[in-house]
N, C-alpha and C. Protein backbone atom coordinates (compact mmCIF):
# COMPACT_ATOMS: atom_id res chain seq x y z
N MET A 1 133.84 113.90 77.67
CA MET A 1 133.41 112.53 77.90
C MET A 1 131.91 112.44 78.43
N ALA A 2 131.12 111.65 77.77
CA ALA A 2 129.69 111.59 78.18
C ALA A 2 129.55 110.64 79.23
N LEU A 3 129.24 111.02 80.37
CA LEU A 3 129.00 110.20 81.50
C LEU A 3 127.59 109.88 81.88
N LYS A 4 126.98 110.99 82.06
CA LYS A 4 125.37 111.01 82.52
C LYS A 4 124.46 109.99 81.61
N GLU A 5 124.88 110.01 80.18
CA GLU A 5 124.17 109.33 79.38
C GLU A 5 124.32 107.60 79.40
N ASN A 6 125.30 107.28 80.24
CA ASN A 6 125.65 105.86 80.48
C ASN A 6 124.59 105.38 81.49
N PHE A 7 123.81 106.07 82.27
CA PHE A 7 122.81 105.67 83.22
C PHE A 7 121.42 105.92 82.85
N SER A 8 120.68 104.99 83.36
CA SER A 8 119.10 105.23 83.25
C SER A 8 118.86 106.49 84.22
N SER A 9 117.68 107.04 84.31
CA SER A 9 117.23 108.16 85.06
C SER A 9 117.33 107.62 86.64
N ASP A 10 116.89 106.18 86.77
CA ASP A 10 116.76 105.79 88.15
C ASP A 10 118.29 105.55 88.85
N GLU A 11 119.13 105.17 87.95
CA GLU A 11 120.39 104.89 88.35
C GLU A 11 121.06 106.28 88.69
N TRP A 12 120.94 107.35 87.85
CA TRP A 12 121.48 108.77 88.06
C TRP A 12 120.89 109.14 89.27
N GLU A 13 119.57 108.89 89.59
CA GLU A 13 119.00 109.54 90.94
C GLU A 13 119.62 108.75 92.09
N ASN A 14 119.60 107.51 91.89
CA ASN A 14 120.30 106.72 92.98
C ASN A 14 121.73 107.28 93.37
N LEU A 15 122.66 107.55 92.30
CA LEU A 15 124.15 108.04 92.45
C LEU A 15 123.93 109.43 93.11
N ILE A 16 122.89 110.17 92.89
CA ILE A 16 122.67 111.47 93.21
C ILE A 16 122.22 111.58 94.82
N GLY A 17 121.43 110.56 95.07
CA GLY A 17 120.91 110.24 96.45
C GLY A 17 121.90 109.66 97.44
N LEU A 18 122.70 108.82 97.03
CA LEU A 18 123.53 108.05 97.75
C LEU A 18 124.39 108.58 98.81
N PRO A 19 125.00 109.78 98.71
CA PRO A 19 125.62 110.40 99.68
C PRO A 19 124.86 110.65 100.81
N TYR A 20 123.66 111.18 100.78
CA TYR A 20 122.83 111.55 101.78
C TYR A 20 122.09 110.32 102.30
N ALA A 21 121.82 109.23 101.60
CA ALA A 21 121.37 107.84 102.27
C ALA A 21 122.46 107.35 103.11
N ILE A 22 123.85 107.42 102.77
CA ILE A 22 124.78 106.88 103.69
C ILE A 22 124.88 107.60 104.71
N SER A 23 125.04 109.11 104.52
CA SER A 23 125.25 109.93 105.67
C SER A 23 124.12 109.79 106.82
N MET A 24 122.84 109.52 106.40
CA MET A 24 121.81 109.33 107.34
C MET A 24 121.83 107.89 107.93
N THR A 25 122.39 106.94 107.23
CA THR A 25 122.57 105.71 107.76
C THR A 25 123.63 105.62 108.96
N ILE A 26 124.70 106.46 108.49
CA ILE A 26 125.73 106.30 109.70
C ILE A 26 125.15 107.25 110.77
N MET A 27 124.43 108.25 110.66
CA MET A 27 123.90 109.01 111.97
C MET A 27 123.16 108.19 112.63
N VAL A 28 122.31 107.49 111.97
CA VAL A 28 121.32 106.54 112.96
C VAL A 28 122.11 105.30 113.51
N ALA A 29 123.12 105.03 112.76
CA ALA A 29 123.97 103.82 113.58
C ALA A 29 124.34 104.04 114.99
N ALA A 30 124.64 105.22 115.32
CA ALA A 30 125.11 105.48 116.60
C ALA A 30 124.52 106.95 116.88
N PRO A 31 123.20 107.10 117.11
CA PRO A 31 122.39 108.44 117.43
C PRO A 31 123.09 109.18 118.69
N ASN A 32 123.30 110.35 118.53
CA ASN A 32 123.85 111.24 119.43
C ASN A 32 123.19 112.62 119.33
N VAL A 33 122.50 112.89 120.32
CA VAL A 33 121.68 114.09 120.32
C VAL A 33 122.37 115.33 120.18
N MET A 34 123.55 115.20 120.92
CA MET A 34 124.32 116.44 121.13
C MET A 34 125.28 116.52 119.67
N GLY A 35 125.57 115.47 119.02
CA GLY A 35 126.21 115.50 117.82
C GLY A 35 125.66 115.56 116.55
N VAL A 36 124.24 115.64 116.57
CA VAL A 36 123.58 115.63 115.36
C VAL A 36 123.76 116.96 114.43
N TRP A 37 124.11 118.15 115.24
CA TRP A 37 124.50 119.11 114.41
C TRP A 37 125.65 119.03 113.41
N GLY A 38 126.65 118.64 114.20
CA GLY A 38 127.88 118.30 113.52
C GLY A 38 127.88 117.42 112.42
N GLU A 39 126.97 116.21 112.55
CA GLU A 39 126.85 115.44 111.57
C GLU A 39 126.05 115.99 110.43
N THR A 40 125.16 116.72 110.69
CA THR A 40 124.24 117.31 109.68
C THR A 40 124.99 118.30 108.83
N LYS A 41 125.83 119.11 109.63
CA LYS A 41 126.73 120.05 108.82
C LYS A 41 127.71 119.45 107.87
N ALA A 42 128.13 118.19 108.37
CA ALA A 42 129.19 117.41 107.61
C ALA A 42 128.31 116.90 106.35
N THR A 43 127.15 116.31 106.50
CA THR A 43 126.29 115.95 105.41
C THR A 43 126.03 116.90 104.24
N MET A 44 126.11 117.99 104.89
CA MET A 44 125.62 119.28 103.88
C MET A 44 126.93 119.84 103.22
N GLN A 45 127.97 119.94 103.70
CA GLN A 45 129.39 120.31 103.52
C GLN A 45 130.25 119.59 102.75
N GLU A 46 130.33 118.16 103.27
CA GLU A 46 131.42 117.36 102.86
C GLU A 46 131.53 117.00 101.60
N PRO A 47 130.25 116.78 100.99
CA PRO A 47 130.13 116.45 99.44
C PRO A 47 130.85 117.38 98.51
N ALA A 48 130.63 118.71 98.72
CA ALA A 48 131.42 119.65 97.74
C ALA A 48 132.94 119.75 98.00
N LYS A 49 133.32 119.61 99.52
CA LYS A 49 134.56 119.58 99.91
C LYS A 49 135.39 118.42 99.13
N LEU A 50 134.72 117.39 99.35
CA LEU A 50 135.31 116.09 98.65
C LEU A 50 135.41 115.89 97.45
N ALA A 51 134.23 116.47 96.62
CA ALA A 51 134.43 116.41 95.30
C ALA A 51 135.47 117.06 94.72
N ALA A 52 135.80 118.23 95.20
CA ALA A 52 136.96 119.06 94.57
C ALA A 52 138.09 118.44 94.62
N LYS A 53 138.46 117.36 95.56
CA LYS A 53 139.60 116.82 95.84
C LYS A 53 139.61 115.36 94.96
N SER A 54 138.63 115.04 94.41
CA SER A 54 138.40 113.60 93.65
C SER A 54 138.82 113.51 92.38
N GLY A 55 138.80 114.73 91.68
CA GLY A 55 139.50 114.92 90.49
C GLY A 55 138.67 114.02 89.29
N SER A 56 137.32 113.92 89.84
CA SER A 56 136.41 113.00 88.98
C SER A 56 135.41 113.75 88.18
N ALA A 57 135.43 113.69 86.77
CA ALA A 57 134.44 114.40 86.07
C ALA A 57 132.81 113.83 86.41
N LEU A 58 132.69 112.56 86.71
CA LEU A 58 131.39 111.97 87.08
C LEU A 58 131.01 112.76 88.57
N VAL A 59 131.92 112.76 89.47
CA VAL A 59 131.60 113.45 90.79
C VAL A 59 131.39 114.81 90.60
N GLY A 60 131.84 115.42 89.78
CA GLY A 60 131.41 116.78 89.40
C GLY A 60 130.20 117.23 88.93
N LEU A 61 129.72 116.02 87.91
CA LEU A 61 128.54 116.29 87.49
C LEU A 61 127.42 116.20 88.38
N LEU A 62 127.57 114.94 89.21
CA LEU A 62 126.61 114.74 90.27
C LEU A 62 126.59 115.85 91.15
N LEU A 63 127.77 116.33 91.62
CA LEU A 63 127.43 117.35 92.78
C LEU A 63 126.86 118.69 92.11
N ALA A 64 127.00 119.00 90.78
CA ALA A 64 126.41 120.30 90.17
C ALA A 64 124.90 119.98 90.27
N GLU A 65 124.20 118.49 90.32
CA GLU A 65 122.75 118.44 90.25
C GLU A 65 122.30 118.25 91.69
N MET A 66 123.36 117.83 92.62
CA MET A 66 122.90 117.59 93.90
C MET A 66 122.60 118.88 94.73
N GLN A 67 123.56 119.96 94.37
CA GLN A 67 123.74 121.16 95.31
C GLN A 67 122.52 121.94 95.31
N PRO A 68 121.79 122.14 93.98
CA PRO A 68 120.64 122.88 94.19
C PRO A 68 119.18 122.05 94.79
N ARG A 69 119.62 121.02 94.84
CA ARG A 69 118.53 119.80 95.26
C ARG A 69 118.86 119.40 96.85
N LEU A 70 119.82 120.09 97.55
CA LEU A 70 120.02 119.59 98.88
C LEU A 70 118.97 119.53 99.82
N GLN A 71 118.20 120.44 99.97
CA GLN A 71 117.02 120.32 100.80
C GLN A 71 116.05 119.11 100.56
N GLU A 72 115.92 119.01 99.21
CA GLU A 72 114.97 118.15 98.75
C GLU A 72 115.44 116.62 98.86
N LEU A 73 116.91 116.47 98.78
CA LEU A 73 117.51 115.12 98.91
C LEU A 73 117.49 114.73 100.46
N MET A 74 117.70 115.71 101.13
CA MET A 74 117.85 115.50 102.56
C MET A 74 116.34 115.11 103.13
N LYS A 75 115.41 115.77 102.55
CA LYS A 75 114.05 115.51 103.01
C LYS A 75 113.48 113.99 102.47
N LYS A 76 114.07 113.69 101.43
CA LYS A 76 113.49 112.49 100.92
C LYS A 76 114.16 111.31 101.68
N GLN A 77 115.31 111.54 102.18
CA GLN A 77 115.99 110.42 103.03
C GLN A 77 115.38 110.39 104.39
N GLN A 78 114.97 111.61 104.84
CA GLN A 78 114.34 111.69 106.35
C GLN A 78 113.11 111.00 106.16
N ALA A 79 112.27 111.03 104.98
CA ALA A 79 110.98 110.34 104.82
C ALA A 79 111.17 109.16 104.76
N ALA A 80 111.95 108.45 104.12
CA ALA A 80 112.41 107.24 103.83
C ALA A 80 112.66 106.32 105.14
N LEU A 81 113.51 107.31 106.07
CA LEU A 81 113.88 106.82 107.26
C LEU A 81 112.49 106.51 108.25
N LYS A 82 111.94 107.69 108.24
CA LYS A 82 110.61 107.51 109.05
C LYS A 82 109.67 106.60 108.66
N GLN A 83 109.51 106.17 107.23
CA GLN A 83 108.74 105.19 106.67
C GLN A 83 109.23 103.88 107.06
N ASN A 84 110.54 103.69 107.10
CA ASN A 84 110.84 102.37 107.32
C ASN A 84 112.24 102.36 108.06
N LYS A 85 112.14 102.70 109.34
CA LYS A 85 113.49 102.81 110.45
C LYS A 85 113.93 101.49 110.45
N ALA A 86 113.29 100.48 110.54
CA ALA A 86 114.05 98.97 110.62
C ALA A 86 114.79 98.89 109.56
N GLY A 87 114.28 98.97 108.07
CA GLY A 87 114.87 98.44 107.21
C GLY A 87 115.73 99.71 106.36
N TYR A 88 115.94 100.64 107.03
CA TYR A 88 116.61 101.97 106.19
C TYR A 88 118.19 101.67 105.80
N GLN A 89 118.66 100.83 106.81
CA GLN A 89 120.28 100.47 106.92
C GLN A 89 120.09 99.75 105.54
N ALA A 90 119.35 98.55 105.67
CA ALA A 90 119.46 97.40 104.71
C ALA A 90 119.04 98.15 103.10
N ASN A 91 118.19 99.21 103.20
CA ASN A 91 117.99 99.79 101.95
C ASN A 91 119.11 100.70 101.33
N THR A 92 119.81 101.42 102.17
CA THR A 92 120.94 102.03 101.74
C THR A 92 122.03 101.00 101.15
N ILE A 93 122.35 99.94 101.96
CA ILE A 93 123.27 99.06 101.38
C ILE A 93 123.03 98.48 100.17
N GLU A 94 121.80 98.18 99.80
CA GLU A 94 121.16 97.87 98.43
C GLU A 94 121.43 98.75 97.45
N ALA A 95 121.09 100.12 97.82
CA ALA A 95 121.47 101.24 97.05
C ALA A 95 122.91 101.37 96.79
N CYS A 96 123.77 100.85 97.59
CA CYS A 96 125.12 100.93 97.21
C CYS A 96 125.54 99.95 96.26
N ARG A 97 124.85 98.72 96.31
CA ARG A 97 125.17 97.49 95.52
C ARG A 97 124.64 97.99 94.17
N MET A 98 123.36 98.76 94.08
CA MET A 98 122.96 99.16 92.83
C MET A 98 123.88 100.15 92.17
N ALA A 99 124.38 101.06 92.87
CA ALA A 99 125.32 102.00 92.35
C ALA A 99 126.44 101.37 91.86
N ALA A 100 127.03 100.37 92.60
CA ALA A 100 128.37 99.72 92.16
C ALA A 100 128.22 98.99 90.90
N ALA A 101 126.99 98.48 90.67
CA ALA A 101 126.55 97.73 89.18
C ALA A 101 126.31 98.86 88.29
N ALA A 102 125.82 99.78 88.55
CA ALA A 102 125.67 100.92 87.74
C ALA A 102 126.82 101.50 87.14
N LEU A 103 127.88 101.60 88.24
CA LEU A 103 129.02 102.23 87.72
C LEU A 103 130.07 101.40 86.94
N SER A 104 129.54 100.21 86.75
CA SER A 104 130.39 99.37 85.72
C SER A 104 130.24 99.70 84.27
N LYS A 105 129.36 100.88 84.00
CA LYS A 105 129.20 101.42 82.84
C LYS A 105 130.11 102.69 82.36
N VAL A 106 130.88 103.03 83.42
CA VAL A 106 131.87 104.11 83.07
C VAL A 106 133.18 103.58 83.45
N PRO A 107 134.14 104.46 83.01
CA PRO A 107 135.56 103.80 83.11
C PRO A 107 135.87 103.61 84.81
N PRO A 108 136.88 102.57 84.86
CA PRO A 108 137.19 102.12 86.27
C PRO A 108 137.44 103.22 87.30
N GLU A 109 138.33 104.24 86.73
CA GLU A 109 138.75 105.40 87.59
C GLU A 109 137.66 106.20 88.11
N GLU A 110 136.50 106.42 87.00
CA GLU A 110 135.37 107.22 87.49
C GLU A 110 134.67 106.40 88.56
N ALA A 111 134.49 105.19 88.31
CA ALA A 111 133.82 104.37 89.36
C ALA A 111 134.29 104.55 90.55
N LEU A 112 135.60 104.25 90.90
CA LEU A 112 136.43 104.28 91.91
C LEU A 112 136.38 105.66 92.60
N ALA A 113 136.45 106.53 91.80
CA ALA A 113 136.59 107.98 92.38
C ALA A 113 135.12 108.02 93.16
N TYR A 114 133.91 107.69 92.45
CA TYR A 114 132.65 107.74 93.10
C TYR A 114 132.46 106.99 94.21
N LYS A 115 133.07 106.04 94.39
CA LYS A 115 132.74 104.85 95.47
C LYS A 115 133.58 105.62 96.71
N ASN A 116 134.73 106.10 96.23
CA ASN A 116 135.73 106.66 97.28
C ASN A 116 135.06 107.95 97.84
N TRP A 117 134.51 108.54 97.13
CA TRP A 117 133.67 109.89 97.20
C TRP A 117 132.67 109.75 98.34
N VAL A 118 131.77 108.75 98.27
CA VAL A 118 130.60 108.54 99.05
C VAL A 118 131.15 107.96 100.26
N LEU A 119 132.11 107.21 100.10
CA LEU A 119 132.52 106.57 101.34
C LEU A 119 133.25 107.62 102.35
N ALA A 120 134.08 108.47 101.59
CA ALA A 120 134.58 109.56 102.40
C ALA A 120 133.73 110.43 102.96
N ILE A 121 132.60 110.77 102.27
CA ILE A 121 131.44 111.57 102.98
C ILE A 121 131.00 110.86 104.19
N GLY A 122 130.61 109.71 104.12
CA GLY A 122 130.29 108.78 105.49
C GLY A 122 131.17 108.89 106.42
N LEU A 123 132.50 108.88 106.12
CA LEU A 123 133.56 108.79 107.24
C LEU A 123 133.52 110.13 107.86
N LYS A 124 133.46 111.12 106.90
CA LYS A 124 133.51 112.54 107.46
C LYS A 124 132.22 112.77 108.56
N VAL A 125 131.07 112.41 108.15
CA VAL A 125 129.79 112.33 108.84
C VAL A 125 130.24 111.62 110.15
N ALA A 126 130.70 110.34 110.20
CA ALA A 126 130.94 109.63 111.49
C ALA A 126 132.02 110.27 112.16
N GLU A 127 132.83 110.75 111.78
CA GLU A 127 133.83 111.58 112.37
C GLU A 127 133.50 113.01 112.98
N ALA A 128 132.22 113.56 112.65
CA ALA A 128 131.61 114.65 112.94
C ALA A 128 131.40 114.92 114.40
N SER A 129 131.10 113.77 115.01
CA SER A 129 130.60 113.85 116.52
C SER A 129 131.26 112.67 117.08
N LYS A 130 131.82 112.69 118.33
CA LYS A 130 132.21 111.53 119.22
C LYS A 130 131.08 111.07 119.73
N GLU A 131 131.07 109.70 119.89
CA GLU A 131 130.24 108.78 120.52
C GLU A 131 130.96 108.30 121.59
N HIS A 132 130.65 108.28 122.81
CA HIS A 132 131.42 107.52 124.01
C HIS A 132 132.79 107.84 124.17
N GLY A 133 133.08 109.03 123.46
CA GLY A 133 134.50 109.53 123.55
C GLY A 133 135.45 109.03 122.39
N VAL A 134 134.89 108.42 121.50
CA VAL A 134 135.71 108.13 120.10
C VAL A 134 135.08 108.64 119.13
N ALA A 135 136.00 108.98 118.04
CA ALA A 135 135.75 109.78 116.97
C ALA A 135 134.72 108.92 116.07
N VAL A 136 135.20 107.69 115.87
CA VAL A 136 134.14 106.75 115.27
C VAL A 136 133.66 105.73 116.07
N SER A 137 132.58 105.49 116.14
CA SER A 137 131.94 104.43 117.15
C SER A 137 132.00 103.06 116.54
N ASP A 138 131.81 102.03 117.31
CA ASP A 138 131.87 100.59 116.81
C ASP A 138 130.59 100.42 115.67
N PRO A 139 129.29 100.84 116.14
CA PRO A 139 128.22 100.81 115.01
C PRO A 139 128.52 101.49 113.90
N GLU A 140 129.25 102.64 114.02
CA GLU A 140 129.51 103.68 112.73
C GLU A 140 130.49 102.82 111.96
N LYS A 141 131.51 102.17 112.47
CA LYS A 141 132.59 101.22 111.73
C LYS A 141 131.84 100.13 111.08
N ALA A 142 131.01 99.37 111.79
CA ALA A 142 130.20 98.51 111.07
C ALA A 142 129.36 98.72 109.94
N VAL A 143 128.90 99.93 110.00
CA VAL A 143 128.03 100.27 108.91
C VAL A 143 129.05 100.68 107.70
N ILE A 144 130.26 101.28 108.10
CA ILE A 144 131.19 101.65 107.01
C ILE A 144 131.67 100.54 106.38
N ALA A 145 131.89 99.53 107.13
CA ALA A 145 132.36 98.16 106.43
C ALA A 145 131.34 97.47 105.65
N GLU A 146 130.05 97.68 106.05
CA GLU A 146 128.84 97.17 104.99
C GLU A 146 128.76 97.97 103.93
N ILE A 147 128.82 99.23 103.81
CA ILE A 147 128.96 100.18 102.69
C ILE A 147 130.20 99.97 101.78
N SER A 148 131.17 99.70 102.48
CA SER A 148 132.51 99.37 101.29
C SER A 148 132.22 98.30 100.91
N SER A 149 131.80 97.12 101.53
CA SER A 149 131.53 95.75 100.97
C SER A 149 130.62 96.00 99.81
N ALA A 150 129.52 96.53 100.01
CA ALA A 150 128.38 96.87 99.09
C ALA A 150 128.91 97.44 97.68
N LEU A 151 129.68 98.55 97.99
CA LEU A 151 130.55 99.20 96.93
C LEU A 151 131.55 98.33 96.11
N GLY A 152 132.06 97.42 96.98
CA GLY A 152 133.21 96.87 96.31
C GLY A 152 134.47 97.28 96.50
N ILE A 153 134.61 98.04 97.65
CA ILE A 153 135.97 98.81 97.91
C ILE A 153 136.43 98.34 99.38
N THR A 154 137.66 98.36 99.55
CA THR A 154 138.25 98.09 100.81
C THR A 154 138.09 99.47 101.93
N PRO A 155 137.50 99.26 103.17
CA PRO A 155 137.19 100.31 103.94
C PRO A 155 138.78 101.04 104.21
N PRO A 156 138.77 102.04 104.57
CA PRO A 156 140.09 102.68 105.25
C PRO A 156 140.61 102.10 106.42
């Protein structure tokens, strides 16, 4: 099944970068100096772990392109955050909306698998470090709800 060909190069790049944008958005929603290593580790490891469980050809294709570009993609998100800290979350939410629109070009099961995959990555990042004694803080829950809404799916 041809999947990549359904997307423009900008749409494909957005789909590739979105897991890292979501991860970074969740990390800055409830900053925790002590937990940054766990969240960063989750950002780097969870995409592959969760992709294996997704059963999605689209997710597999994206992961294959993401993995060799991990450092580049992370640095791109860090630069975007530094450039516009106040608007970073809004930019990520807009990127989620753009991804949801682009995903209308593929079979619904592939679109849903991608959306669930990026949301699951965000949840794993949120759970990687406790803030104020809770696994997922209220600010992280709020961001996850916004991301879910922008993707057009129900949060867990």
